[in-house]
Amino acid sequence: MNKKSIMALAVAFGITSNLLTLPSSLDVSPFRNRPLNIKPALEERVDLRTGKKIMVENSKLEEYHEWKKSTVDWSKKCNDYALVVNKAERELTVYYNGTAIDSFLVGLSPRPIGHKLCGWDLHTPEGLYGVYEKKAKSVFYKSLMINYPNPSDRIRFSENKKNGLIPEKKVIGSNIAIHGAGNERDWTYGCIALSNQDMDRLFLWAKFCTPVTIIGYE
């Protein structure tokens, strides 16, 4: 249909000609500086040691951020030391008075990503913990024992067993520590391993009740 036919049709329906006049170009200037509210695609992280992709769960990411923030805030409020372990990055960061003052490469278990469900599942736990004992001499040089399982771990373990996600004969596990004896590979049964030299430095800062927060990624 040509322009002449369109105009004739418009007159027949009582449509004025000014409504048929279209702009030669669209003015987009009002929208140029407006932020676009577009949700990012599903994020990925990369396991530092293995190079494998980790699919990020948004709910877990928010939880990890909250755990870390609460730990750093505690360090600042109490003017004290706190430890944060990022499993994907194989990194233990030391905070003092809310500021990161040092970090160490760590070795984990053969299944580092994902929360520990029970004993001997070869996962390193995730959550908010604390040092309950310092061992100047241990099987793995020096050790900082942490309070896994905490109450949240016990509740999760009980619910998972009730729902059939854990075999009836399995136990929750214990004896999780930050210790020495090497950080070059993932070789522990759930613990966090440092080099002996790094363990010496960490041992000077950490004490009874020092917070230890373990996250999967950030």
N, C-alpha and C. Protein backbone atom coordinates (compact mmCIF):
# COMPACT_ATOMS: atom_id res chain seq x y z
N MET A 1 0.86 -1.18 0.00
CA MET A 1 0.00 0.00 0.00
C MET A 1 0.89 1.23 0.00
N ASN A 2 0.65 2.14 -1.01
CA ASN A 2 1.51 3.33 -1.10
C ASN A 2 1.00 4.43 -0.17
N LYS A 3 1.76 5.50 -0.11
CA LYS A 3 1.45 6.59 0.82
C LYS A 3 0.10 7.23 0.52
N LYS A 4 -0.23 7.36 -0.80
CA LYS A 4 -1.49 7.98 -1.21
C LYS A 4 -2.68 7.15 -0.73
N SER A 5 -2.57 5.83 -0.83
CA SER A 5 -3.64 4.94 -0.40
C SER A 5 -3.81 5.00 1.12
N ILE A 6 -2.68 5.06 1.84
CA ILE A 6 -2.73 5.15 3.30
C ILE A 6 -3.43 6.42 3.75
N MET A 7 -3.12 7.55 3.07
CA MET A 7 -3.74 8.81 3.43
C MET A 7 -5.24 8.78 3.19
N ALA A 8 -5.63 8.17 2.07
CA ALA A 8 -7.06 8.07 1.75
C ALA A 8 -7.78 7.24 2.80
N LEU A 9 -7.15 6.15 3.23
CA LEU A 9 -7.75 5.29 4.24
C LEU A 9 -7.87 6.02 5.58
N ALA A 10 -6.87 6.82 5.88
CA ALA A 10 -6.88 7.58 7.12
C ALA A 10 -8.00 8.60 7.14
N VAL A 11 -8.22 9.28 6.00
CA VAL A 11 -9.30 10.27 5.92
C VAL A 11 -10.65 9.59 6.10
N ALA A 12 -10.77 8.39 5.49
CA ALA A 12 -12.03 7.65 5.58
C ALA A 12 -12.36 7.29 7.02
N PHE A 13 -11.35 7.03 7.84
CA PHE A 13 -11.57 6.66 9.24
C PHE A 13 -11.47 7.86 10.18
N GLY A 14 -11.31 9.07 9.60
CA GLY A 14 -11.28 10.27 10.42
C GLY A 14 -9.98 10.46 11.18
N ILE A 15 -8.88 9.89 10.72
CA ILE A 15 -7.59 10.03 11.37
C ILE A 15 -6.89 11.23 10.77
N THR A 16 -6.50 12.19 11.61
CA THR A 16 -5.86 13.39 11.11
C THR A 16 -4.46 13.09 10.61
N SER A 17 -4.01 13.89 9.72
CA SER A 17 -2.73 13.62 9.06
C SER A 17 -1.54 13.75 9.98
N ASN A 18 -1.67 14.59 11.04
CA ASN A 18 -0.51 14.78 11.92
C ASN A 18 -0.18 13.51 12.70
N LEU A 19 -1.17 12.63 12.88
CA LEU A 19 -0.90 11.37 13.58
C LEU A 19 -0.16 10.38 12.70
N LEU A 20 -0.16 10.64 11.42
CA LEU A 20 0.53 9.74 10.49
C LEU A 20 1.95 10.18 10.20
N THR A 21 2.32 11.33 10.77
CA THR A 21 3.66 11.84 10.52
C THR A 21 4.63 11.21 11.51
N LEU A 22 5.54 10.39 11.02
CA LEU A 22 6.51 9.72 11.87
C LEU A 22 7.82 10.48 11.90
N PRO A 23 8.53 10.49 13.01
CA PRO A 23 9.82 11.18 13.05
C PRO A 23 10.82 10.48 12.15
N SER A 24 11.68 11.28 11.53
CA SER A 24 12.69 10.70 10.63
C SER A 24 13.74 9.92 11.40
N SER A 25 13.93 10.26 12.67
CA SER A 25 14.88 9.53 13.52
C SER A 25 14.37 9.54 14.96
N LEU A 26 14.78 8.54 15.72
CA LEU A 26 14.32 8.42 17.10
C LEU A 26 15.35 9.05 18.03
N ASP A 27 14.89 9.95 18.89
CA ASP A 27 15.77 10.62 19.84
C ASP A 27 15.98 9.72 21.06
N VAL A 28 17.18 9.17 21.21
CA VAL A 28 17.47 8.25 22.32
C VAL A 28 18.29 8.92 23.42
N SER A 29 18.54 10.22 23.29
CA SER A 29 19.40 10.89 24.25
C SER A 29 18.93 10.78 25.70
N PRO A 30 17.59 10.79 25.97
CA PRO A 30 17.17 10.67 27.38
C PRO A 30 17.55 9.34 28.02
N PHE A 31 17.81 8.31 27.19
CA PHE A 31 18.07 6.98 27.72
C PHE A 31 19.55 6.62 27.79
N ARG A 32 20.40 7.50 27.25
CA ARG A 32 21.81 7.14 27.10
C ARG A 32 22.51 6.88 28.43
N ASN A 33 22.23 7.69 29.44
CA ASN A 33 22.94 7.58 30.71
C ASN A 33 22.16 6.80 31.77
N ARG A 34 21.06 6.18 31.35
CA ARG A 34 20.27 5.41 32.29
C ARG A 34 20.86 4.02 32.45
N PRO A 35 21.09 3.53 33.70
CA PRO A 35 21.62 2.17 33.87
C PRO A 35 20.59 1.14 33.43
N LEU A 36 21.06 0.12 32.75
CA LEU A 36 20.18 -0.94 32.29
C LEU A 36 20.02 -1.98 33.39
N ASN A 37 18.80 -2.28 33.73
CA ASN A 37 18.51 -3.25 34.78
C ASN A 37 18.44 -4.65 34.18
N ILE A 38 19.62 -5.15 33.81
CA ILE A 38 19.70 -6.47 33.19
C ILE A 38 20.47 -7.39 34.13
N LYS A 39 19.87 -8.50 34.52
CA LYS A 39 20.53 -9.45 35.41
C LYS A 39 21.64 -10.19 34.66
N PRO A 40 22.81 -10.32 35.27
CA PRO A 40 23.91 -11.02 34.59
C PRO A 40 23.59 -12.49 34.41
N ALA A 41 24.23 -13.07 33.42
CA ALA A 41 24.07 -14.51 33.19
C ALA A 41 24.66 -15.28 34.36
N LEU A 42 24.34 -16.54 34.47
CA LEU A 42 24.85 -17.37 35.55
C LEU A 42 26.37 -17.30 35.58
N GLU A 43 26.89 -16.97 36.75
CA GLU A 43 28.33 -16.79 36.89
C GLU A 43 29.06 -18.12 37.03
N GLU A 44 30.35 -18.06 36.78
CA GLU A 44 31.20 -19.22 36.98
C GLU A 44 32.44 -18.79 37.76
N ARG A 45 33.00 -19.70 38.48
CA ARG A 45 34.30 -19.51 39.09
C ARG A 45 35.20 -20.64 38.61
N VAL A 46 36.48 -20.46 38.78
CA VAL A 46 37.44 -21.49 38.37
C VAL A 46 38.23 -21.94 39.59
N ASP A 47 38.28 -23.23 39.78
CA ASP A 47 39.09 -23.79 40.86
C ASP A 47 40.55 -23.50 40.56
N LEU A 48 41.20 -22.78 41.46
CA LEU A 48 42.56 -22.32 41.21
C LEU A 48 43.53 -23.46 40.93
N ARG A 49 43.37 -24.57 41.66
CA ARG A 49 44.34 -25.67 41.53
C ARG A 49 44.03 -26.60 40.36
N THR A 50 42.77 -26.93 40.17
CA THR A 50 42.41 -27.91 39.14
C THR A 50 42.04 -27.27 37.81
N GLY A 51 41.67 -26.00 37.83
CA GLY A 51 41.23 -25.33 36.60
C GLY A 51 39.80 -25.67 36.22
N LYS A 52 39.11 -26.47 37.02
CA LYS A 52 37.74 -26.85 36.71
C LYS A 52 36.78 -25.70 36.99
N LYS A 53 35.72 -25.62 36.17
CA LYS A 53 34.72 -24.58 36.37
C LYS A 53 33.81 -24.93 37.54
N ILE A 54 33.46 -23.91 38.30
CA ILE A 54 32.54 -24.06 39.42
C ILE A 54 31.31 -23.23 39.11
N MET A 55 30.15 -23.87 39.07
CA MET A 55 28.91 -23.14 38.84
C MET A 55 28.48 -22.46 40.14
N VAL A 56 28.29 -21.17 40.07
CA VAL A 56 27.99 -20.38 41.25
C VAL A 56 26.50 -20.43 41.56
N GLU A 57 26.18 -20.81 42.79
CA GLU A 57 24.80 -20.72 43.28
C GLU A 57 24.63 -19.34 43.92
N ASN A 58 23.69 -18.56 43.39
CA ASN A 58 23.51 -17.20 43.90
C ASN A 58 23.21 -17.17 45.39
N SER A 59 22.39 -18.11 45.85
CA SER A 59 22.05 -18.14 47.28
C SER A 59 23.29 -18.43 48.12
N LYS A 60 24.15 -19.35 47.63
CA LYS A 60 25.38 -19.66 48.36
C LYS A 60 26.35 -18.48 48.32
N LEU A 61 26.42 -17.81 47.17
CA LEU A 61 27.31 -16.66 47.03
C LEU A 61 26.93 -15.57 48.04
N GLU A 62 25.65 -15.31 48.17
CA GLU A 62 25.19 -14.32 49.15
C GLU A 62 25.52 -14.76 50.58
N GLU A 63 25.35 -16.05 50.84
CA GLU A 63 25.65 -16.57 52.17
C GLU A 63 27.14 -16.44 52.47
N TYR A 64 27.98 -16.80 51.51
CA TYR A 64 29.43 -16.68 51.69
C TYR A 64 29.82 -15.22 51.96
N HIS A 65 29.23 -14.29 51.20
CA HIS A 65 29.54 -12.87 51.39
C HIS A 65 29.16 -12.42 52.80
N GLU A 66 28.01 -12.89 53.27
CA GLU A 66 27.56 -12.52 54.61
C GLU A 66 28.48 -13.10 55.68
N TRP A 67 28.89 -14.35 55.50
CA TRP A 67 29.83 -14.97 56.45
C TRP A 67 31.13 -14.17 56.53
N LYS A 68 31.67 -13.85 55.35
CA LYS A 68 32.95 -13.14 55.32
C LYS A 68 32.80 -11.75 55.94
N LYS A 69 31.74 -11.04 55.59
CA LYS A 69 31.52 -9.69 56.11
C LYS A 69 31.41 -9.70 57.62
N SER A 70 30.63 -10.66 58.15
CA SER A 70 30.46 -10.71 59.60
C SER A 70 31.79 -11.00 60.30
N THR A 71 32.64 -11.81 59.68
CA THR A 71 33.94 -12.14 60.27
C THR A 71 34.88 -10.95 60.26
N VAL A 72 34.94 -10.24 59.12
CA VAL A 72 35.80 -9.06 59.02
C VAL A 72 35.29 -7.96 59.95
N ASP A 73 33.98 -7.81 60.02
CA ASP A 73 33.40 -6.80 60.94
C ASP A 73 33.75 -7.13 62.39
N TRP A 74 33.69 -8.41 62.74
CA TRP A 74 34.06 -8.82 64.11
C TRP A 74 35.51 -8.46 64.39
N SER A 75 36.38 -8.72 63.42
CA SER A 75 37.80 -8.41 63.59
C SER A 75 38.02 -6.92 63.86
N LYS A 76 37.27 -6.09 63.13
CA LYS A 76 37.40 -4.64 63.32
C LYS A 76 36.83 -4.20 64.66
N LYS A 77 35.67 -4.73 65.01
CA LYS A 77 35.00 -4.34 66.26
C LYS A 77 35.83 -4.75 67.47
N CYS A 78 36.43 -5.94 67.39
CA CYS A 78 37.17 -6.46 68.55
C CYS A 78 38.66 -6.16 68.49
N ASN A 79 39.09 -5.50 67.40
CA ASN A 79 40.51 -5.20 67.24
C ASN A 79 41.35 -6.47 67.43
N ASP A 80 40.97 -7.51 66.68
CA ASP A 80 41.59 -8.82 66.88
C ASP A 80 41.77 -9.52 65.54
N TYR A 81 42.37 -10.72 65.61
CA TYR A 81 42.63 -11.51 64.41
C TYR A 81 41.42 -12.37 64.05
N ALA A 82 41.24 -12.59 62.75
CA ALA A 82 40.22 -13.50 62.23
C ALA A 82 40.75 -14.10 60.93
N LEU A 83 40.33 -15.33 60.65
CA LEU A 83 40.83 -16.05 59.48
C LEU A 83 39.67 -16.36 58.53
N VAL A 84 39.91 -16.15 57.23
CA VAL A 84 38.92 -16.50 56.21
C VAL A 84 39.59 -17.39 55.17
N VAL A 85 39.00 -18.56 54.93
CA VAL A 85 39.53 -19.50 53.94
C VAL A 85 38.61 -19.50 52.73
N ASN A 86 39.17 -19.22 51.55
CA ASN A 86 38.44 -19.30 50.28
C ASN A 86 38.91 -20.58 49.59
N LYS A 87 38.01 -21.58 49.52
CA LYS A 87 38.42 -22.89 49.01
C LYS A 87 38.75 -22.87 47.53
N ALA A 88 37.96 -22.17 46.72
CA ALA A 88 38.22 -22.13 45.28
C ALA A 88 39.56 -21.49 44.96
N GLU A 89 39.93 -20.48 45.78
CA GLU A 89 41.20 -19.77 45.57
C GLU A 89 42.36 -20.42 46.30
N ARG A 90 42.08 -21.45 47.13
CA ARG A 90 43.12 -22.09 47.95
C ARG A 90 43.88 -21.05 48.76
N GLU A 91 43.13 -20.16 49.40
CA GLU A 91 43.75 -19.04 50.10
C GLU A 91 43.18 -18.89 51.50
N LEU A 92 44.08 -18.73 52.47
CA LEU A 92 43.72 -18.38 53.83
C LEU A 92 44.19 -16.95 54.06
N THR A 93 43.25 -16.06 54.38
CA THR A 93 43.57 -14.65 54.61
C THR A 93 43.46 -14.32 56.09
N VAL A 94 44.46 -13.63 56.60
CA VAL A 94 44.48 -13.21 58.00
C VAL A 94 44.04 -11.75 58.07
N TYR A 95 43.01 -11.48 58.89
CA TYR A 95 42.54 -10.12 59.12
C TYR A 95 42.90 -9.67 60.53
N TYR A 96 43.27 -8.41 60.64
CA TYR A 96 43.48 -7.81 61.96
C TYR A 96 42.85 -6.43 61.95
N ASN A 97 41.99 -6.18 62.93
CA ASN A 97 41.28 -4.90 63.02
C ASN A 97 40.55 -4.59 61.70
N GLY A 98 39.99 -5.64 61.07
CA GLY A 98 39.20 -5.47 59.86
C GLY A 98 39.99 -5.33 58.58
N THR A 99 41.32 -5.45 58.65
CA THR A 99 42.18 -5.29 57.47
C THR A 99 42.96 -6.57 57.20
N ALA A 100 43.02 -6.96 55.93
CA ALA A 100 43.80 -8.14 55.56
C ALA A 100 45.28 -7.82 55.71
N ILE A 101 45.99 -8.61 56.52
CA ILE A 101 47.41 -8.34 56.76
C ILE A 101 48.32 -9.40 56.15
N ASP A 102 47.77 -10.55 55.79
CA ASP A 102 48.60 -11.60 55.19
C ASP A 102 47.69 -12.66 54.57
N SER A 103 48.24 -13.46 53.68
CA SER A 103 47.49 -14.57 53.10
C SER A 103 48.44 -15.71 52.79
N PHE A 104 47.89 -16.93 52.80
CA PHE A 104 48.69 -18.13 52.58
C PHE A 104 48.00 -19.07 51.59
N LEU A 105 48.80 -19.71 50.78
CA LEU A 105 48.30 -20.78 49.91
C LEU A 105 48.02 -22.00 50.77
N VAL A 106 46.91 -22.69 50.51
CA VAL A 106 46.56 -23.86 51.32
C VAL A 106 46.31 -25.08 50.44
N GLY A 107 46.46 -26.24 51.06
CA GLY A 107 46.04 -27.49 50.46
C GLY A 107 44.77 -27.93 51.17
N LEU A 108 43.86 -28.56 50.42
CA LEU A 108 42.59 -29.00 50.99
C LEU A 108 42.42 -30.50 50.80
N SER A 109 41.19 -30.95 50.84
CA SER A 109 40.88 -32.36 50.63
C SER A 109 40.68 -32.62 49.13
N PRO A 110 40.64 -33.88 48.71
CA PRO A 110 40.48 -34.20 47.28
C PRO A 110 39.15 -33.71 46.69
N ARG A 111 38.15 -33.45 47.53
CA ARG A 111 36.87 -32.89 47.08
C ARG A 111 36.67 -31.55 47.77
N PRO A 112 37.39 -30.55 47.37
CA PRO A 112 37.41 -29.30 48.13
C PRO A 112 36.13 -28.49 48.07
N ILE A 113 35.45 -28.48 46.91
CA ILE A 113 34.27 -27.64 46.76
C ILE A 113 33.02 -28.41 47.19
N GLY A 114 32.18 -27.75 47.96
CA GLY A 114 30.98 -28.39 48.49
C GLY A 114 31.14 -28.65 49.98
N HIS A 115 30.03 -28.56 50.70
CA HIS A 115 30.09 -28.68 52.16
C HIS A 115 30.30 -30.12 52.61
N LYS A 116 30.97 -30.27 53.72
CA LYS A 116 31.19 -31.60 54.29
C LYS A 116 29.88 -32.13 54.88
N LEU A 117 29.48 -33.34 54.45
CA LEU A 117 28.23 -33.94 54.91
C LEU A 117 28.42 -34.91 56.05
N CYS A 118 29.56 -35.64 56.02
CA CYS A 118 29.79 -36.65 57.05
C CYS A 118 31.28 -36.99 57.08
N GLY A 119 31.65 -37.81 58.05
CA GLY A 119 33.04 -38.21 58.17
C GLY A 119 33.52 -39.03 56.97
N TRP A 120 34.75 -38.81 56.58
CA TRP A 120 35.40 -39.56 55.51
C TRP A 120 34.78 -39.34 54.13
N ASP A 121 34.08 -38.22 53.94
CA ASP A 121 33.57 -37.94 52.59
C ASP A 121 34.55 -37.13 51.76
N LEU A 122 35.72 -36.82 52.35
CA LEU A 122 36.82 -36.12 51.69
C LEU A 122 36.46 -34.70 51.27
N HIS A 123 35.51 -34.08 51.98
CA HIS A 123 35.18 -32.67 51.77
C HIS A 123 35.74 -31.84 52.92
N THR A 124 36.15 -30.61 52.61
CA THR A 124 36.52 -29.64 53.64
C THR A 124 35.26 -28.87 54.01
N PRO A 125 34.94 -28.74 55.30
CA PRO A 125 33.68 -28.10 55.69
C PRO A 125 33.62 -26.62 55.31
N GLU A 126 32.40 -26.08 55.37
CA GLU A 126 32.16 -24.66 55.12
C GLU A 126 31.31 -24.13 56.27
N GLY A 127 31.62 -22.92 56.71
CA GLY A 127 30.82 -22.33 57.78
C GLY A 127 31.62 -21.42 58.68
N LEU A 128 31.01 -21.08 59.81
CA LEU A 128 31.62 -20.18 60.80
C LEU A 128 32.12 -21.02 61.96
N TYR A 129 33.42 -21.01 62.16
CA TYR A 129 34.04 -21.84 63.19
C TYR A 129 34.97 -21.00 64.04
N GLY A 130 35.67 -21.67 64.96
CA GLY A 130 36.65 -21.00 65.80
C GLY A 130 37.70 -21.99 66.27
N VAL A 131 38.84 -21.47 66.62
CA VAL A 131 39.93 -22.31 67.14
C VAL A 131 39.60 -22.70 68.59
N TYR A 132 39.63 -23.99 68.90
CA TYR A 132 39.38 -24.40 70.29
C TYR A 132 40.62 -25.01 70.95
N GLU A 133 41.67 -25.25 70.16
CA GLU A 133 42.90 -25.79 70.74
C GLU A 133 44.08 -25.51 69.81
N LYS A 134 45.21 -25.16 70.41
CA LYS A 134 46.47 -25.01 69.67
C LYS A 134 47.42 -26.14 70.05
N LYS A 135 47.93 -26.83 69.04
CA LYS A 135 48.87 -27.92 69.28
C LYS A 135 50.22 -27.54 68.68
N ALA A 136 51.16 -27.26 69.57
CA ALA A 136 52.50 -26.87 69.10
C ALA A 136 53.24 -28.04 68.45
N LYS A 137 52.84 -29.26 68.80
CA LYS A 137 53.39 -30.46 68.18
C LYS A 137 52.24 -31.38 67.82
N SER A 138 52.17 -31.75 66.56
CA SER A 138 51.12 -32.67 66.13
C SER A 138 51.66 -33.55 65.01
N VAL A 139 50.85 -34.47 64.56
CA VAL A 139 51.27 -35.37 63.46
C VAL A 139 51.65 -34.55 62.24
N PHE A 140 50.94 -33.44 62.02
CA PHE A 140 51.20 -32.59 60.85
C PHE A 140 51.84 -31.27 61.28
N TYR A 141 52.97 -31.40 62.00
CA TYR A 141 53.80 -30.27 62.44
C TYR A 141 53.14 -29.50 63.57
N LYS A 142 52.30 -28.50 63.27
CA LYS A 142 51.53 -27.76 64.26
C LYS A 142 50.07 -27.72 63.81
N SER A 143 49.15 -27.62 64.77
CA SER A 143 47.74 -27.65 64.40
C SER A 143 46.93 -26.62 65.18
N LEU A 144 45.96 -26.04 64.49
CA LEU A 144 44.92 -25.22 65.11
C LEU A 144 43.62 -25.99 64.93
N MET A 145 43.11 -26.57 65.99
CA MET A 145 41.89 -27.37 65.92
C MET A 145 40.67 -26.45 65.87
N ILE A 146 39.75 -26.71 64.94
CA ILE A 146 38.54 -25.89 64.83
C ILE A 146 37.31 -26.71 65.19
N ASN A 147 36.26 -26.01 65.62
CA ASN A 147 35.10 -26.69 66.20
C ASN A 147 34.09 -27.21 65.17
N TYR A 148 34.59 -27.98 64.21
CA TYR A 148 33.68 -28.78 63.37
C TYR A 148 33.50 -30.13 64.06
N PRO A 149 32.26 -30.61 64.21
CA PRO A 149 31.00 -30.01 63.75
C PRO A 149 30.45 -28.99 64.75
N ASN A 150 29.95 -27.88 64.22
CA ASN A 150 29.29 -26.91 65.08
C ASN A 150 27.79 -27.25 65.13
N PRO A 151 26.96 -26.52 65.90
CA PRO A 151 25.54 -26.86 65.99
C PRO A 151 24.82 -26.91 64.64
N SER A 152 25.16 -25.99 63.73
CA SER A 152 24.53 -26.01 62.40
C SER A 152 24.87 -27.28 61.64
N ASP A 153 26.14 -27.72 61.75
CA ASP A 153 26.55 -28.95 61.09
C ASP A 153 25.78 -30.16 61.63
N ARG A 154 25.56 -30.18 62.93
CA ARG A 154 24.86 -31.32 63.55
C ARG A 154 23.40 -31.37 63.11
N ILE A 155 22.77 -30.20 63.02
CA ILE A 155 21.38 -30.15 62.55
C ILE A 155 21.29 -30.60 61.09
N ARG A 156 22.20 -30.10 60.26
CA ARG A 156 22.21 -30.49 58.84
C ARG A 156 22.44 -31.98 58.68
N PHE A 157 23.37 -32.52 59.46
CA PHE A 157 23.67 -33.94 59.39
C PHE A 157 22.44 -34.77 59.77
N SER A 158 21.77 -34.39 60.83
CA SER A 158 20.59 -35.10 61.29
C SER A 158 19.47 -35.07 60.25
N GLU A 159 19.25 -33.89 59.66
CA GLU A 159 18.20 -33.76 58.64
C GLU A 159 18.54 -34.56 57.38
N ASN A 160 19.81 -34.52 56.96
CA ASN A 160 20.21 -35.26 55.77
C ASN A 160 20.09 -36.77 55.98
N LYS A 161 20.41 -37.22 57.17
CA LYS A 161 20.29 -38.65 57.45
C LYS A 161 18.81 -39.06 57.49
N LYS A 162 17.98 -38.19 58.07
CA LYS A 162 16.54 -38.47 58.13
C LYS A 162 15.94 -38.53 56.73
N ASN A 163 16.45 -37.70 55.81
CA ASN A 163 15.93 -37.65 54.45
C ASN A 163 16.61 -38.65 53.51
N GLY A 164 17.48 -39.48 54.07
CA GLY A 164 18.11 -40.52 53.27
C GLY A 164 19.26 -40.06 52.41
N LEU A 165 19.77 -38.86 52.66
CA LEU A 165 20.89 -38.34 51.86
C LEU A 165 22.23 -38.84 52.37
N ILE A 166 22.24 -39.38 53.58
CA ILE A 166 23.44 -39.93 54.19
C ILE A 166 23.11 -41.34 54.69
N PRO A 167 23.95 -42.32 54.37
CA PRO A 167 23.70 -43.69 54.86
C PRO A 167 23.61 -43.73 56.38
N GLU A 168 22.78 -44.61 56.90
CA GLU A 168 22.50 -44.70 58.32
C GLU A 168 23.75 -44.94 59.16
N LYS A 169 24.71 -45.68 58.63
CA LYS A 169 25.90 -46.04 59.40
C LYS A 169 26.96 -44.93 59.44
N LYS A 170 26.79 -43.88 58.64
CA LYS A 170 27.78 -42.81 58.60
C LYS A 170 27.75 -41.97 59.88
N VAL A 171 28.93 -41.45 60.26
CA VAL A 171 29.03 -40.54 61.40
C VAL A 171 29.39 -39.15 60.88
N ILE A 172 29.24 -38.14 61.73
CA ILE A 172 29.39 -36.77 61.27
C ILE A 172 30.86 -36.39 61.03
N GLY A 173 31.78 -37.00 61.74
CA GLY A 173 33.19 -36.67 61.56
C GLY A 173 33.66 -35.61 62.54
N SER A 174 34.98 -35.46 62.66
CA SER A 174 35.56 -34.49 63.61
C SER A 174 37.04 -34.32 63.28
N ASN A 175 37.75 -33.69 64.23
CA ASN A 175 39.21 -33.50 64.11
C ASN A 175 39.61 -32.72 62.86
N ILE A 176 38.86 -31.66 62.56
CA ILE A 176 39.21 -30.77 61.46
C ILE A 176 40.17 -29.70 62.00
N ALA A 177 41.23 -29.46 61.27
CA ALA A 177 42.26 -28.53 61.76
C ALA A 177 42.89 -27.75 60.61
N ILE A 178 43.51 -26.66 60.98
CA ILE A 178 44.47 -25.97 60.11
C ILE A 178 45.83 -26.44 60.59
N HIS A 179 46.60 -27.05 59.70
CA HIS A 179 47.88 -27.60 60.15
C HIS A 179 48.96 -27.45 59.08
N GLY A 180 50.16 -27.88 59.44
CA GLY A 180 51.28 -27.79 58.51
C GLY A 180 51.41 -29.03 57.64
N ALA A 181 52.62 -29.27 57.14
CA ALA A 181 52.98 -30.46 56.36
C ALA A 181 52.78 -30.32 54.86
N GLY A 182 52.43 -29.12 54.37
CA GLY A 182 52.46 -28.95 52.93
C GLY A 182 51.18 -28.46 52.29
N ASN A 183 51.32 -27.49 51.37
CA ASN A 183 50.17 -26.88 50.72
C ASN A 183 50.16 -27.06 49.20
N GLU A 184 51.07 -27.89 48.68
CA GLU A 184 51.26 -27.97 47.23
C GLU A 184 50.16 -28.74 46.51
N ARG A 185 49.40 -29.55 47.24
CA ARG A 185 48.35 -30.35 46.61
C ARG A 185 47.20 -30.53 47.61
N ASP A 186 46.09 -31.10 47.12
CA ASP A 186 44.94 -31.37 47.97
C ASP A 186 45.03 -32.81 48.45
N TRP A 187 45.41 -32.98 49.71
CA TRP A 187 45.76 -34.31 50.20
C TRP A 187 45.14 -34.66 51.55
N THR A 188 44.44 -33.72 52.19
CA THR A 188 43.94 -33.97 53.54
C THR A 188 42.61 -34.74 53.50
N TYR A 189 42.10 -35.09 54.68
CA TYR A 189 40.80 -35.75 54.77
C TYR A 189 39.68 -34.75 55.08
N GLY A 190 39.98 -33.47 54.97
CA GLY A 190 39.00 -32.41 55.26
C GLY A 190 39.63 -31.20 55.91
N CYS A 191 40.90 -31.32 56.25
CA CYS A 191 41.60 -30.22 56.92
C CYS A 191 42.15 -29.20 55.93
N ILE A 192 42.75 -28.16 56.47
CA ILE A 192 43.36 -27.08 55.69
C ILE A 192 44.85 -27.09 55.99
N ALA A 193 45.66 -27.33 54.96
CA ALA A 193 47.10 -27.53 55.17
C ALA A 193 47.91 -26.36 54.63
N LEU A 194 48.89 -25.93 55.42
CA LEU A 194 49.82 -24.88 55.04
C LEU A 194 51.23 -25.46 54.99
N SER A 195 52.14 -24.69 54.43
CA SER A 195 53.55 -25.05 54.55
C SER A 195 53.94 -24.86 56.01
N ASN A 196 54.98 -25.55 56.46
CA ASN A 196 55.42 -25.41 57.85
C ASN A 196 55.84 -23.98 58.17
N GLN A 197 56.47 -23.34 57.22
CA GLN A 197 56.92 -21.96 57.42
C GLN A 197 55.72 -21.03 57.62
N ASP A 198 54.69 -21.19 56.78
CA ASP A 198 53.49 -20.37 56.94
C ASP A 198 52.77 -20.70 58.23
N MET A 199 52.80 -21.96 58.61
CA MET A 199 52.13 -22.37 59.85
C MET A 199 52.78 -21.73 61.06
N ASP A 200 54.09 -21.57 61.03
CA ASP A 200 54.79 -20.91 62.12
C ASP A 200 54.28 -19.47 62.30
N ARG A 201 54.09 -18.77 61.20
CA ARG A 201 53.61 -17.38 61.26
C ARG A 201 52.17 -17.33 61.76
N LEU A 202 51.33 -18.19 61.20
CA LEU A 202 49.93 -18.20 61.60
C LEU A 202 49.77 -18.56 63.08
N PHE A 203 50.62 -19.45 63.54
CA PHE A 203 50.54 -19.94 64.92
C PHE A 203 50.77 -18.81 65.93
N LEU A 204 51.53 -17.80 65.54
CA LEU A 204 51.79 -16.66 66.42
C LEU A 204 50.56 -15.78 66.59
N TRP A 205 49.72 -15.71 65.57
CA TRP A 205 48.56 -14.82 65.59
C TRP A 205 47.31 -15.48 66.17
N ALA A 206 47.05 -16.71 65.75
CA ALA A 206 45.82 -17.38 66.15
C ALA A 206 45.88 -17.81 67.61
N LYS A 207 44.72 -17.82 68.25
CA LYS A 207 44.64 -18.24 69.64
C LYS A 207 43.28 -18.88 69.89
N PHE A 208 43.02 -19.24 71.11
CA PHE A 208 41.73 -19.83 71.47
C PHE A 208 40.60 -18.88 71.10
N CYS A 209 39.60 -19.41 70.37
CA CYS A 209 38.41 -18.67 69.93
C CYS A 209 38.65 -17.72 68.74
N THR A 210 39.83 -17.75 68.12
CA THR A 210 40.01 -16.99 66.89
C THR A 210 39.02 -17.47 65.84
N PRO A 211 38.20 -16.58 65.25
CA PRO A 211 37.23 -17.02 64.23
C PRO A 211 37.92 -17.59 62.99
N VAL A 212 37.34 -18.66 62.48
CA VAL A 212 37.81 -19.30 61.24
C VAL A 212 36.58 -19.48 60.35
N THR A 213 36.48 -18.69 59.30
CA THR A 213 35.34 -18.76 58.38
C THR A 213 35.80 -19.41 57.08
N ILE A 214 35.08 -20.43 56.66
CA ILE A 214 35.45 -21.19 55.45
C ILE A 214 34.34 -21.03 54.42
N ILE A 215 34.68 -20.44 53.26
CA ILE A 215 33.71 -20.23 52.19
C ILE A 215 34.16 -21.00 50.94
N GLY A 216 33.20 -21.28 50.07
CA GLY A 216 33.52 -22.01 48.85
C GLY A 216 34.16 -21.14 47.80
N TYR A 217 33.60 -19.94 47.63
CA TYR A 217 34.10 -19.00 46.61
C TYR A 217 33.52 -17.64 46.93
N GLU A 218 33.98 -16.63 46.18
CA GLU A 218 33.41 -15.28 46.36
C GLU A 218 33.49 -14.53 45.05
